[in-house]
Amino acid sequence: MRRIRWTAIPVLLAAAAACTLLPGPKAVPRVTFLLRPDSPARGGPAALCPEGSGTLLVSLPREAPGFETERMAYLLRPATVKYYANSRWADSPAGMLAPAIVEALEKTGCWRAVVRMPTTLPADFRLDTEDLVLEQEFFSRPSKVRLALRATLVDLRAPGILATRRFEALEDAPSEDADGGAIAAGRAAEKLLGSLAAWAHAAARSGTASR
């Protein structure tokens, strides 16, 4: 029994040494992506905006539940949200989209000024956006990125809602990963912001004309 006991010790020590020498799993670097529209809404012809439609106040978008995070969301099946482990957005969808909305509205040249909340400056209209969703859907190949939100234009001069509309843009991802999702998200943002900017000005002009 003593021989067995003593001969077992070197074997255990050798195994422990081998464990310390074997390389451990390599840490996967985290990648951070920016949401950048390929080309935010371009200014329209001057004839469409002969004069500014007043000052527009833009509130911070509000995300739908499950999307108020920097984590990049994807779906393998409807109603089941997952997140990439090592890929994140630089900010939440609302935080990234807020300045892009302002830029798109400014580039139309249809507003005297576009101001982000919070501010104490007086304004004529307010644009609210909610139910913001930014997700990569693996329901088919290629996967698609869906960017959607609900917009409401409010007249602040005689408080009341002028118009409400839901916007949605779908774009094919060039690759089946977070990189492809980020590229497709930029393209989807370009489409959605262009539609949103045109709609906001049309709704404001319609409301002004009816008074």
N, C-alpha and C. Protein backbone atom coordinates (compact mmCIF):
# COMPACT_ATOMS: atom_id res chain seq x y z
N MET A 1 0.83 -1.21 0.00
CA MET A 1 0.00 0.00 0.00
C MET A 1 0.86 1.25 0.00
N ARG A 2 2.01 1.23 0.73
CA ARG A 2 2.87 2.40 0.75
C ARG A 2 3.42 2.70 -0.64
N ARG A 3 3.83 1.65 -1.39
CA ARG A 3 4.38 1.88 -2.71
C ARG A 3 3.36 2.54 -3.61
N ILE A 4 2.13 2.07 -3.56
CA ILE A 4 1.08 2.65 -4.40
C ILE A 4 0.85 4.11 -4.02
N ARG A 5 0.86 4.37 -2.73
CA ARG A 5 0.60 5.71 -2.26
C ARG A 5 1.70 6.67 -2.71
N TRP A 6 2.96 6.23 -2.65
CA TRP A 6 4.07 7.11 -3.01
C TRP A 6 4.22 7.27 -4.52
N THR A 7 3.94 6.27 -5.26
CA THR A 7 4.08 6.37 -6.72
C THR A 7 2.95 7.20 -7.31
N ALA A 8 1.84 7.35 -6.60
CA ALA A 8 0.72 8.15 -7.12
C ALA A 8 1.02 9.64 -7.04
N ILE A 9 1.86 10.05 -6.10
CA ILE A 9 2.13 11.47 -5.90
C ILE A 9 2.78 12.12 -7.12
N PRO A 10 3.84 11.52 -7.71
CA PRO A 10 4.44 12.15 -8.90
C PRO A 10 3.45 12.28 -10.05
N VAL A 11 2.58 11.30 -10.19
CA VAL A 11 1.60 11.36 -11.28
C VAL A 11 0.67 12.55 -11.10
N LEU A 12 0.19 12.78 -9.86
CA LEU A 12 -0.70 13.90 -9.59
C LEU A 12 0.01 15.23 -9.78
N LEU A 13 1.27 15.31 -9.35
CA LEU A 13 2.03 16.54 -9.53
C LEU A 13 2.26 16.84 -11.00
N ALA A 14 2.53 15.81 -11.78
CA ALA A 14 2.74 16.00 -13.21
C ALA A 14 1.48 16.50 -13.88
N ALA A 15 0.33 15.96 -13.46
CA ALA A 15 -0.93 16.40 -14.04
C ALA A 15 -1.20 17.86 -13.71
N ALA A 16 -0.88 18.24 -12.46
CA ALA A 16 -1.10 19.63 -12.06
C ALA A 16 -0.18 20.56 -12.84
N ALA A 17 1.07 20.12 -13.07
CA ALA A 17 2.00 20.95 -13.84
C ALA A 17 1.53 21.11 -15.27
N ALA A 18 0.99 20.04 -15.84
CA ALA A 18 0.50 20.09 -17.21
C ALA A 18 -0.64 21.10 -17.33
N CYS A 19 -1.50 21.15 -16.31
CA CYS A 19 -2.63 22.07 -16.34
C CYS A 19 -2.16 23.52 -16.33
N THR A 20 -1.07 23.79 -15.60
CA THR A 20 -0.59 25.17 -15.52
C THR A 20 0.11 25.58 -16.80
N LEU A 21 0.68 24.61 -17.54
CA LEU A 21 1.40 24.93 -18.77
C LEU A 21 0.49 25.06 -19.97
N LEU A 22 -0.67 24.38 -19.95
CA LEU A 22 -1.58 24.45 -21.10
C LEU A 22 -2.18 25.84 -21.22
N PRO A 23 -2.20 26.41 -22.42
CA PRO A 23 -2.78 27.75 -22.58
C PRO A 23 -4.28 27.72 -22.36
N GLY A 24 -4.81 28.72 -21.66
CA GLY A 24 -6.25 28.81 -21.42
C GLY A 24 -6.95 29.37 -22.64
N PRO A 25 -8.27 29.41 -22.59
CA PRO A 25 -9.03 29.94 -23.71
C PRO A 25 -8.74 31.44 -23.92
N LYS A 26 -8.54 31.80 -25.17
CA LYS A 26 -8.23 33.19 -25.48
C LYS A 26 -9.47 34.06 -25.32
N ALA A 27 -9.28 35.23 -24.73
CA ALA A 27 -10.39 36.16 -24.56
C ALA A 27 -10.75 36.77 -25.91
N VAL A 28 -12.03 36.74 -26.24
CA VAL A 28 -12.50 37.32 -27.49
C VAL A 28 -12.66 38.82 -27.31
N PRO A 29 -12.00 39.62 -28.13
CA PRO A 29 -12.10 41.08 -27.96
C PRO A 29 -13.52 41.57 -28.25
N ARG A 30 -13.97 42.54 -27.49
CA ARG A 30 -15.29 43.11 -27.68
C ARG A 30 -15.23 44.16 -28.78
N VAL A 31 -16.21 44.13 -29.66
CA VAL A 31 -16.27 45.08 -30.78
C VAL A 31 -17.43 46.04 -30.54
N THR A 32 -17.18 47.33 -30.73
CA THR A 32 -18.21 48.35 -30.56
C THR A 32 -18.53 48.97 -31.90
N PHE A 33 -19.83 49.05 -32.21
CA PHE A 33 -20.28 49.57 -33.50
C PHE A 33 -21.02 50.89 -33.33
N LEU A 34 -20.91 51.75 -34.34
CA LEU A 34 -21.67 52.99 -34.40
C LEU A 34 -22.80 52.84 -35.39
N LEU A 35 -23.94 53.42 -35.07
CA LEU A 35 -25.05 53.44 -36.02
C LEU A 35 -24.92 54.70 -36.85
N ARG A 36 -24.53 54.53 -38.10
CA ARG A 36 -24.30 55.68 -38.97
C ARG A 36 -25.07 55.50 -40.27
N PRO A 37 -26.11 56.33 -40.47
CA PRO A 37 -26.84 56.27 -41.74
C PRO A 37 -25.87 56.50 -42.90
N ASP A 38 -26.05 55.73 -43.98
CA ASP A 38 -25.17 55.87 -45.15
C ASP A 38 -25.18 57.30 -45.67
N SER A 39 -26.36 57.89 -45.73
CA SER A 39 -26.51 59.26 -46.23
C SER A 39 -27.79 59.84 -45.68
N PRO A 40 -27.74 60.52 -44.52
CA PRO A 40 -28.96 61.07 -43.92
C PRO A 40 -29.70 61.95 -44.91
N ALA A 41 -30.99 62.11 -44.67
CA ALA A 41 -31.88 62.80 -45.59
C ALA A 41 -31.25 64.05 -46.21
N ARG A 42 -31.22 64.09 -47.52
CA ARG A 42 -30.65 65.22 -48.23
C ARG A 42 -31.66 66.36 -48.28
N GLY A 43 -31.15 67.57 -48.38
CA GLY A 43 -32.02 68.72 -48.51
C GLY A 43 -32.83 68.63 -49.79
N GLY A 44 -34.12 68.92 -49.72
CA GLY A 44 -34.98 68.86 -50.89
C GLY A 44 -34.88 70.13 -51.70
N PRO A 45 -35.53 70.16 -52.87
CA PRO A 45 -35.53 71.36 -53.70
C PRO A 45 -36.09 72.54 -52.93
N ALA A 46 -35.56 73.75 -53.20
CA ALA A 46 -35.99 74.93 -52.46
C ALA A 46 -37.48 75.20 -52.64
N ALA A 47 -38.02 74.79 -53.79
CA ALA A 47 -39.44 75.05 -54.05
C ALA A 47 -40.34 74.32 -53.07
N LEU A 48 -39.85 73.22 -52.51
CA LEU A 48 -40.66 72.44 -51.56
C LEU A 48 -40.69 73.10 -50.20
N CYS A 49 -39.71 73.95 -49.92
CA CYS A 49 -39.62 74.61 -48.62
C CYS A 49 -39.34 76.09 -48.85
N PRO A 50 -40.31 76.85 -49.37
CA PRO A 50 -40.08 78.25 -49.67
C PRO A 50 -39.70 79.05 -48.44
N GLU A 51 -40.17 78.66 -47.29
CA GLU A 51 -39.81 79.35 -46.05
C GLU A 51 -39.92 78.37 -44.89
N GLY A 52 -39.17 78.63 -43.82
CA GLY A 52 -39.15 77.71 -42.70
C GLY A 52 -40.52 77.50 -42.08
N SER A 53 -40.74 76.29 -41.59
CA SER A 53 -42.02 75.95 -40.97
C SER A 53 -41.99 76.16 -39.47
N GLY A 54 -41.14 77.03 -38.99
CA GLY A 54 -41.07 77.26 -37.56
C GLY A 54 -39.96 76.45 -36.91
N THR A 55 -39.96 76.47 -35.60
CA THR A 55 -38.95 75.74 -34.83
C THR A 55 -39.50 74.39 -34.38
N LEU A 56 -38.71 73.37 -34.61
CA LEU A 56 -39.12 72.00 -34.27
C LEU A 56 -38.31 71.49 -33.09
N LEU A 57 -38.99 71.05 -32.06
CA LEU A 57 -38.36 70.47 -30.88
C LEU A 57 -38.40 68.94 -31.03
N VAL A 58 -37.26 68.31 -30.86
CA VAL A 58 -37.16 66.86 -31.03
C VAL A 58 -36.88 66.21 -29.68
N SER A 59 -37.79 65.37 -29.22
CA SER A 59 -37.59 64.68 -27.95
C SER A 59 -36.74 63.43 -28.15
N LEU A 60 -36.18 62.92 -27.06
CA LEU A 60 -35.35 61.73 -27.14
C LEU A 60 -36.23 60.52 -27.47
N PRO A 61 -35.86 59.73 -28.47
CA PRO A 61 -36.65 58.53 -28.78
C PRO A 61 -36.72 57.59 -27.58
N ARG A 62 -37.79 56.83 -27.51
CA ARG A 62 -37.95 55.84 -26.44
C ARG A 62 -38.00 54.45 -27.07
N GLU A 63 -37.16 53.55 -26.56
CA GLU A 63 -37.10 52.21 -27.12
C GLU A 63 -38.25 51.33 -26.63
N ALA A 64 -38.57 50.34 -27.43
CA ALA A 64 -39.50 49.30 -27.00
C ALA A 64 -38.79 48.44 -25.95
N PRO A 65 -39.54 47.77 -25.07
CA PRO A 65 -38.90 46.92 -24.05
C PRO A 65 -37.96 45.89 -24.68
N GLY A 66 -36.79 45.76 -24.08
CA GLY A 66 -35.80 44.81 -24.58
C GLY A 66 -34.75 45.45 -25.47
N PHE A 67 -34.96 46.72 -25.86
CA PHE A 67 -34.03 47.38 -26.77
C PHE A 67 -33.40 48.63 -26.15
N GLU A 68 -33.66 48.87 -24.86
CA GLU A 68 -33.10 50.03 -24.17
C GLU A 68 -31.72 49.68 -23.60
N THR A 69 -30.82 49.23 -24.48
CA THR A 69 -29.50 48.75 -24.07
C THR A 69 -28.52 48.90 -25.22
N GLU A 70 -27.22 48.92 -24.87
CA GLU A 70 -26.18 48.97 -25.90
C GLU A 70 -25.96 47.60 -26.55
N ARG A 71 -26.52 46.56 -25.99
CA ARG A 71 -26.32 45.22 -26.53
C ARG A 71 -27.01 45.08 -27.88
N MET A 72 -26.37 44.40 -28.81
CA MET A 72 -26.92 44.23 -30.16
C MET A 72 -27.90 43.06 -30.17
N ALA A 73 -29.13 43.36 -30.49
CA ALA A 73 -30.19 42.36 -30.42
C ALA A 73 -30.34 41.60 -31.73
N TYR A 74 -30.61 40.30 -31.61
CA TYR A 74 -30.93 39.50 -32.79
C TYR A 74 -32.01 38.49 -32.43
N LEU A 75 -32.73 38.03 -33.43
CA LEU A 75 -33.82 37.07 -33.24
C LEU A 75 -33.61 35.87 -34.14
N LEU A 76 -33.66 34.68 -33.54
CA LEU A 76 -33.65 33.44 -34.31
C LEU A 76 -35.06 33.00 -34.65
N ARG A 77 -36.00 33.43 -33.83
CA ARG A 77 -37.42 33.20 -34.08
C ARG A 77 -38.20 34.37 -33.49
N PRO A 78 -39.40 34.62 -33.99
CA PRO A 78 -40.16 35.78 -33.51
C PRO A 78 -40.37 35.76 -32.00
N ALA A 79 -40.36 36.94 -31.42
CA ALA A 79 -40.68 37.16 -30.01
C ALA A 79 -39.64 36.58 -29.04
N THR A 80 -38.45 36.22 -29.53
CA THR A 80 -37.39 35.73 -28.65
C THR A 80 -36.12 36.51 -28.94
N VAL A 81 -35.79 37.45 -28.07
CA VAL A 81 -34.65 38.34 -28.29
C VAL A 81 -33.40 37.76 -27.64
N LYS A 82 -32.31 37.74 -28.41
CA LYS A 82 -31.00 37.36 -27.91
C LYS A 82 -30.04 38.51 -28.19
N TYR A 83 -28.85 38.44 -27.58
CA TYR A 83 -27.89 39.52 -27.74
C TYR A 83 -26.51 38.93 -28.06
N TYR A 84 -25.80 39.57 -28.95
CA TYR A 84 -24.43 39.16 -29.25
C TYR A 84 -23.58 39.28 -27.99
N ALA A 85 -22.72 38.31 -27.77
CA ALA A 85 -21.92 38.28 -26.55
C ALA A 85 -20.76 39.27 -26.59
N ASN A 86 -20.13 39.46 -27.73
CA ASN A 86 -18.92 40.27 -27.80
C ASN A 86 -19.04 41.45 -28.76
N SER A 87 -20.26 41.80 -29.11
CA SER A 87 -20.47 42.95 -29.99
C SER A 87 -21.54 43.85 -29.37
N ARG A 88 -21.26 45.13 -29.34
CA ARG A 88 -22.19 46.09 -28.74
C ARG A 88 -22.27 47.35 -29.61
N TRP A 89 -23.37 48.09 -29.42
CA TRP A 89 -23.47 49.42 -29.99
C TRP A 89 -22.72 50.39 -29.10
N ALA A 90 -22.34 51.53 -29.63
CA ALA A 90 -21.65 52.54 -28.85
C ALA A 90 -22.58 53.19 -27.83
N ASP A 91 -23.88 53.12 -28.10
CA ASP A 91 -24.89 53.69 -27.21
C ASP A 91 -26.17 52.91 -27.45
N SER A 92 -27.20 53.20 -26.67
CA SER A 92 -28.50 52.57 -26.90
C SER A 92 -29.04 53.04 -28.24
N PRO A 93 -29.99 52.31 -28.85
CA PRO A 93 -30.57 52.77 -30.13
C PRO A 93 -31.08 54.20 -30.06
N ALA A 94 -31.73 54.58 -28.96
CA ALA A 94 -32.25 55.94 -28.83
C ALA A 94 -31.12 56.95 -28.80
N GLY A 95 -30.07 56.66 -28.04
CA GLY A 95 -28.94 57.57 -27.94
C GLY A 95 -28.24 57.79 -29.27
N MET A 96 -28.16 56.75 -30.09
CA MET A 96 -27.51 56.87 -31.40
C MET A 96 -28.41 57.53 -32.43
N LEU A 97 -29.72 57.25 -32.35
CA LEU A 97 -30.63 57.75 -33.38
C LEU A 97 -31.01 59.22 -33.17
N ALA A 98 -31.00 59.68 -31.93
CA ALA A 98 -31.43 61.06 -31.63
C ALA A 98 -30.69 62.11 -32.46
N PRO A 99 -29.36 62.13 -32.47
CA PRO A 99 -28.67 63.15 -33.29
C PRO A 99 -28.88 62.93 -34.78
N ALA A 100 -29.06 61.68 -35.21
CA ALA A 100 -29.30 61.42 -36.63
C ALA A 100 -30.65 61.95 -37.08
N ILE A 101 -31.65 61.89 -36.18
CA ILE A 101 -32.97 62.45 -36.51
C ILE A 101 -32.87 63.95 -36.69
N VAL A 102 -32.18 64.61 -35.79
CA VAL A 102 -32.01 66.06 -35.88
C VAL A 102 -31.28 66.43 -37.17
N GLU A 103 -30.24 65.71 -37.49
CA GLU A 103 -29.47 66.00 -38.70
C GLU A 103 -30.32 65.82 -39.95
N ALA A 104 -31.12 64.76 -39.98
CA ALA A 104 -31.98 64.51 -41.14
C ALA A 104 -33.00 65.63 -41.31
N LEU A 105 -33.57 66.09 -40.21
CA LEU A 105 -34.56 67.17 -40.27
C LEU A 105 -33.91 68.49 -40.71
N GLU A 106 -32.72 68.75 -40.21
CA GLU A 106 -32.02 69.98 -40.58
C GLU A 106 -31.67 70.00 -42.06
N LYS A 107 -31.29 68.86 -42.60
CA LYS A 107 -30.83 68.80 -43.98
C LYS A 107 -31.95 69.02 -44.99
N THR A 108 -33.21 68.92 -44.56
CA THR A 108 -34.30 69.21 -45.48
C THR A 108 -34.37 70.69 -45.78
N GLY A 109 -33.87 71.53 -44.88
CA GLY A 109 -33.94 72.96 -45.05
C GLY A 109 -35.34 73.52 -44.87
N CYS A 110 -36.23 72.72 -44.30
CA CYS A 110 -37.64 73.11 -44.18
C CYS A 110 -38.00 73.72 -42.83
N TRP A 111 -37.05 73.78 -41.92
CA TRP A 111 -37.35 74.30 -40.58
C TRP A 111 -36.48 75.50 -40.27
N ARG A 112 -37.04 76.45 -39.55
CA ARG A 112 -36.26 77.60 -39.13
C ARG A 112 -35.15 77.15 -38.18
N ALA A 113 -35.49 76.18 -37.32
CA ALA A 113 -34.50 75.61 -36.41
C ALA A 113 -35.00 74.25 -35.93
N VAL A 114 -34.07 73.35 -35.67
CA VAL A 114 -34.38 72.03 -35.10
C VAL A 114 -33.58 71.91 -33.81
N VAL A 115 -34.27 71.72 -32.70
CA VAL A 115 -33.65 71.75 -31.38
C VAL A 115 -33.95 70.46 -30.64
N ARG A 116 -32.94 69.93 -29.99
CA ARG A 116 -33.12 68.71 -29.21
C ARG A 116 -33.51 69.04 -27.78
N MET A 117 -34.35 68.20 -27.21
CA MET A 117 -34.67 68.31 -25.79
C MET A 117 -33.53 67.69 -24.98
N PRO A 118 -33.34 68.17 -23.73
CA PRO A 118 -34.12 69.22 -23.05
C PRO A 118 -33.62 70.61 -23.41
N THR A 119 -34.53 71.57 -23.45
CA THR A 119 -34.19 72.95 -23.75
C THR A 119 -35.29 73.86 -23.22
N THR A 120 -34.95 75.09 -22.97
CA THR A 120 -35.95 76.07 -22.53
C THR A 120 -36.37 76.98 -23.68
N LEU A 121 -35.83 76.75 -24.86
CA LEU A 121 -36.17 77.57 -26.01
C LEU A 121 -37.61 77.32 -26.45
N PRO A 122 -38.32 78.35 -26.85
CA PRO A 122 -39.69 78.15 -27.34
C PRO A 122 -39.68 77.47 -28.70
N ALA A 123 -40.70 76.69 -28.98
CA ALA A 123 -40.79 75.97 -30.25
C ALA A 123 -42.23 75.97 -30.74
N ASP A 124 -42.39 75.73 -32.04
CA ASP A 124 -43.72 75.69 -32.65
C ASP A 124 -44.28 74.27 -32.71
N PHE A 125 -43.38 73.32 -32.92
CA PHE A 125 -43.80 71.92 -33.05
C PHE A 125 -42.87 71.03 -32.22
N ARG A 126 -43.36 69.84 -31.89
CA ARG A 126 -42.52 68.84 -31.21
C ARG A 126 -42.69 67.50 -31.88
N LEU A 127 -41.57 66.83 -32.11
CA LEU A 127 -41.59 65.49 -32.70
C LEU A 127 -41.22 64.47 -31.63
N ASP A 128 -42.15 63.57 -31.32
CA ASP A 128 -41.92 62.50 -30.36
C ASP A 128 -41.79 61.17 -31.11
N THR A 129 -40.87 60.34 -30.69
CA THR A 129 -40.71 59.02 -31.28
C THR A 129 -40.63 57.98 -30.16
N GLU A 130 -41.29 56.86 -30.37
CA GLU A 130 -41.33 55.81 -29.35
C GLU A 130 -41.41 54.44 -30.01
N ASP A 131 -41.43 53.40 -29.17
CA ASP A 131 -41.47 52.01 -29.65
C ASP A 131 -40.34 51.72 -30.63
N LEU A 132 -39.16 52.28 -30.35
CA LEU A 132 -38.00 52.10 -31.22
C LEU A 132 -37.46 50.68 -31.11
N VAL A 133 -37.29 50.04 -32.26
CA VAL A 133 -36.79 48.67 -32.33
C VAL A 133 -35.63 48.62 -33.32
N LEU A 134 -34.52 48.00 -32.92
CA LEU A 134 -33.38 47.78 -33.81
C LEU A 134 -32.90 46.36 -33.58
N GLU A 135 -33.14 45.48 -34.56
CA GLU A 135 -32.85 44.06 -34.39
C GLU A 135 -32.42 43.43 -35.70
N GLN A 136 -31.62 42.38 -35.58
CA GLN A 136 -31.22 41.58 -36.73
C GLN A 136 -32.01 40.27 -36.69
N GLU A 137 -32.76 40.00 -37.75
CA GLU A 137 -33.66 38.85 -37.79
C GLU A 137 -33.09 37.75 -38.67
N PHE A 138 -32.88 36.57 -38.06
CA PHE A 138 -32.35 35.43 -38.79
C PHE A 138 -33.48 34.47 -39.18
N PHE A 139 -34.55 35.01 -39.71
CA PHE A 139 -35.68 34.19 -40.13
C PHE A 139 -35.47 33.62 -41.53
N SER A 140 -34.55 34.21 -42.28
CA SER A 140 -34.27 33.78 -43.65
C SER A 140 -32.83 34.15 -43.97
N ARG A 141 -32.38 33.74 -45.13
CA ARG A 141 -31.04 34.10 -45.58
C ARG A 141 -31.15 34.94 -46.85
N PRO A 142 -30.51 36.07 -46.90
CA PRO A 142 -29.71 36.66 -45.82
C PRO A 142 -30.58 37.16 -44.68
N SER A 143 -29.95 37.33 -43.53
CA SER A 143 -30.68 37.90 -42.40
C SER A 143 -31.02 39.36 -42.71
N LYS A 144 -31.97 39.89 -42.00
CA LYS A 144 -32.42 41.26 -42.24
C LYS A 144 -32.36 42.06 -40.94
N VAL A 145 -32.06 43.32 -41.07
CA VAL A 145 -32.11 44.24 -39.93
C VAL A 145 -33.39 45.05 -40.03
N ARG A 146 -34.10 45.11 -38.94
CA ARG A 146 -35.34 45.88 -38.89
C ARG A 146 -35.17 47.05 -37.94
N LEU A 147 -35.43 48.23 -38.45
CA LEU A 147 -35.44 49.46 -37.65
C LEU A 147 -36.84 50.03 -37.74
N ALA A 148 -37.48 50.24 -36.61
CA ALA A 148 -38.86 50.71 -36.61
C ALA A 148 -39.10 51.64 -35.43
N LEU A 149 -40.04 52.57 -35.62
CA LEU A 149 -40.45 53.46 -34.54
C LEU A 149 -41.80 54.07 -34.88
N ARG A 150 -42.41 54.65 -33.88
CA ARG A 150 -43.68 55.36 -34.05
C ARG A 150 -43.44 56.83 -33.77
N ALA A 151 -43.88 57.70 -34.70
CA ALA A 151 -43.63 59.14 -34.59
C ALA A 151 -44.94 59.90 -34.40
N THR A 152 -44.89 60.95 -33.60
CA THR A 152 -46.04 61.82 -33.36
C THR A 152 -45.58 63.26 -33.47
N LEU A 153 -46.27 64.05 -34.30
CA LEU A 153 -45.96 65.46 -34.43
C LEU A 153 -47.02 66.27 -33.68
N VAL A 154 -46.55 67.09 -32.75
CA VAL A 154 -47.43 67.87 -31.88
C VAL A 154 -47.29 69.35 -32.20
N ASP A 155 -48.43 70.04 -32.32
CA ASP A 155 -48.43 71.49 -32.50
C ASP A 155 -48.42 72.13 -31.12
N LEU A 156 -47.38 72.89 -30.80
CA LEU A 156 -47.24 73.49 -29.48
C LEU A 156 -47.88 74.87 -29.39
N ARG A 157 -48.27 75.45 -30.52
CA ARG A 157 -48.86 76.78 -30.50
C ARG A 157 -50.30 76.72 -29.99
N ALA A 158 -51.02 75.71 -30.41
CA ALA A 158 -52.38 75.44 -29.91
C ALA A 158 -52.37 73.94 -29.65
N PRO A 159 -51.88 73.53 -28.48
CA PRO A 159 -51.53 72.14 -28.22
C PRO A 159 -52.51 71.12 -28.78
N GLY A 160 -51.96 70.24 -29.58
CA GLY A 160 -52.76 69.17 -30.18
C GLY A 160 -51.89 68.34 -31.09
N ILE A 161 -52.27 67.07 -31.30
CA ILE A 161 -51.53 66.17 -32.17
C ILE A 161 -51.93 66.41 -33.62
N LEU A 162 -50.93 66.67 -34.46
CA LEU A 162 -51.20 66.89 -35.89
C LEU A 162 -51.23 65.59 -36.67
N ALA A 163 -50.31 64.67 -36.35
CA ALA A 163 -50.25 63.42 -37.11
C ALA A 163 -49.44 62.39 -36.33
N THR A 164 -49.75 61.13 -36.59
CA THR A 164 -49.03 60.01 -36.00
C THR A 164 -48.82 58.96 -37.08
N ARG A 165 -47.63 58.37 -37.08
CA ARG A 165 -47.34 57.36 -38.11
C ARG A 165 -46.24 56.42 -37.62
N ARG A 166 -46.34 55.17 -38.05
CA ARG A 166 -45.31 54.18 -37.74
C ARG A 166 -44.40 54.02 -38.95
N PHE A 167 -43.11 54.03 -38.70
CA PHE A 167 -42.10 53.88 -39.76
C PHE A 167 -41.33 52.58 -39.54
N GLU A 168 -40.99 51.93 -40.65
CA GLU A 168 -40.22 50.69 -40.56
C GLU A 168 -39.36 50.54 -41.80
N ALA A 169 -38.12 50.10 -41.59
CA ALA A 169 -37.20 49.85 -42.70
C ALA A 169 -36.53 48.50 -42.49
N LEU A 170 -36.48 47.70 -43.55
CA LEU A 170 -35.84 46.39 -43.54
C LEU A 170 -34.68 46.39 -44.53
N GLU A 171 -33.54 45.88 -44.11
CA GLU A 171 -32.38 45.83 -44.99
C GLU A 171 -31.67 44.49 -44.85
N ASP A 172 -31.26 43.92 -45.99
CA ASP A 172 -30.50 42.67 -45.98
C ASP A 172 -29.12 42.91 -45.39
N ALA A 173 -28.67 41.99 -44.55
CA ALA A 173 -27.32 42.07 -43.99
C ALA A 173 -26.33 41.45 -44.98
N PRO A 174 -25.19 42.09 -45.24
CA PRO A 174 -24.21 41.53 -46.17
C PRO A 174 -23.47 40.32 -45.62
N SER A 175 -23.54 40.09 -44.32
CA SER A 175 -22.93 38.91 -43.71
C SER A 175 -23.77 38.51 -42.50
N GLU A 176 -23.69 37.24 -42.13
CA GLU A 176 -24.54 36.71 -41.07
C GLU A 176 -23.88 36.85 -39.70
N ASP A 177 -23.57 38.07 -39.34
CA ASP A 177 -22.92 38.33 -38.05
C ASP A 177 -23.19 39.78 -37.65
N ALA A 178 -22.57 40.18 -36.54
CA ALA A 178 -22.80 41.53 -36.04
C ALA A 178 -22.28 42.59 -37.01
N ASP A 179 -21.18 42.32 -37.71
CA ASP A 179 -20.66 43.28 -38.67
C ASP A 179 -21.68 43.54 -39.77
N GLY A 180 -22.26 42.47 -40.30
CA GLY A 180 -23.28 42.62 -41.32
C GLY A 180 -24.50 43.34 -40.80
N GLY A 181 -24.85 43.08 -39.54
CA GLY A 181 -25.99 43.74 -38.93
C GLY A 181 -25.77 45.24 -38.79
N ALA A 182 -24.56 45.65 -38.43
CA ALA A 182 -24.26 47.07 -38.27
C ALA A 182 -24.33 47.80 -39.61
N ILE A 183 -23.84 47.17 -40.67
CA ILE A 183 -23.89 47.79 -42.00
C ILE A 183 -25.34 47.94 -42.45
N ALA A 184 -26.12 46.88 -42.27
CA ALA A 184 -27.53 46.93 -42.67
C ALA A 184 -28.31 47.94 -41.84
N ALA A 185 -27.95 48.10 -40.57
CA ALA A 185 -28.63 49.07 -39.71
C ALA A 185 -28.42 50.49 -40.22
N GLY A 186 -27.21 50.80 -40.72
CA GLY A 186 -26.94 52.12 -41.28
C GLY A 186 -27.80 52.38 -42.51
N ARG A 187 -27.96 51.37 -43.34
CA ARG A 187 -28.78 51.52 -44.54
C ARG A 187 -30.26 51.68 -44.17
N ALA A 188 -30.70 50.92 -43.19
CA ALA A 188 -32.10 51.03 -42.74
C ALA A 188 -32.36 52.41 -42.15
N ALA A 189 -31.39 52.95 -41.40
CA ALA A 189 -31.55 54.27 -40.81
C ALA A 189 -31.66 55.34 -41.88
N GLU A 190 -30.88 55.19 -42.95
CA GLU A 190 -30.95 56.16 -44.05
C GLU A 190 -32.37 56.22 -44.63
N LYS A 191 -32.96 55.07 -44.88
CA LYS A 191 -34.30 55.03 -45.45
C LYS A 191 -35.34 55.59 -44.48
N LEU A 192 -35.28 55.13 -43.23
CA LEU A 192 -36.28 55.55 -42.27
C LEU A 192 -36.21 57.05 -41.99
N LEU A 193 -35.01 57.58 -41.85
CA LEU A 193 -34.87 59.00 -41.53
C LEU A 193 -35.32 59.89 -42.68
N GLY A 194 -35.08 59.45 -43.90
CA GLY A 194 -35.55 60.22 -45.04
C GLY A 194 -37.06 60.31 -45.07
N SER A 195 -37.73 59.18 -44.82
CA SER A 195 -39.20 59.16 -44.79
C SER A 195 -39.74 59.98 -43.63
N LEU A 196 -39.09 59.86 -42.47
CA LEU A 196 -39.53 60.59 -41.28
C LEU A 196 -39.43 62.09 -41.48
N ALA A 197 -38.32 62.56 -42.04
CA ALA A 197 -38.11 63.99 -42.24
C ALA A 197 -39.13 64.57 -43.21
N ALA A 198 -39.40 63.86 -44.30
CA ALA A 198 -40.37 64.34 -45.29
C ALA A 198 -41.78 64.38 -44.69
N TRP A 199 -42.12 63.35 -43.93
CA TRP A 199 -43.45 63.27 -43.32
C TRP A 199 -43.66 64.39 -42.30
N ALA A 200 -42.66 64.67 -41.46
CA ALA A 200 -42.80 65.68 -40.42
C ALA A 200 -43.08 67.05 -41.02
N HIS A 201 -42.36 67.39 -42.07
CA HIS A 201 -42.58 68.71 -42.67
C HIS A 201 -43.95 68.78 -43.34
N ALA A 202 -44.35 67.71 -44.05
CA ALA A 202 -45.65 67.70 -44.70
C ALA A 202 -46.78 67.82 -43.69
N ALA A 203 -46.63 67.14 -42.55
CA ALA A 203 -47.66 67.19 -41.51
C ALA A 203 -47.74 68.57 -40.90
N ALA A 204 -46.60 69.23 -40.71
CA ALA A 204 -46.58 70.57 -40.14
C ALA A 204 -47.24 71.57 -41.09
N ARG A 205 -46.93 71.47 -42.37
CA ARG A 205 -47.52 72.38 -43.36
C ARG A 205 -49.02 72.17 -43.47
N SER A 206 -49.43 70.91 -43.41
CA SER A 206 -50.87 70.61 -43.48
C SER A 206 -51.60 71.19 -42.29
N GLY A 207 -50.98 71.06 -41.08
CA GLY A 207 -51.60 71.59 -39.89
C GLY A 207 -51.66 73.11 -39.89
N THR A 208 -50.60 73.74 -40.43
CA THR A 208 -50.57 75.19 -40.50
C THR A 208 -51.61 75.72 -41.49
N ALA A 209 -51.75 75.03 -42.61
CA ALA A 209 -52.67 75.46 -43.65
C ALA A 209 -54.12 75.34 -43.20
N SER A 210 -54.39 74.40 -42.29
CA SER A 210 -55.78 74.19 -41.86
C SER A 210 -56.21 75.21 -40.82
N ARG A 211 -55.28 76.03 -40.32
CA ARG A 211 -55.63 77.01 -39.28
C ARG A 211 -56.08 78.34 -39.90
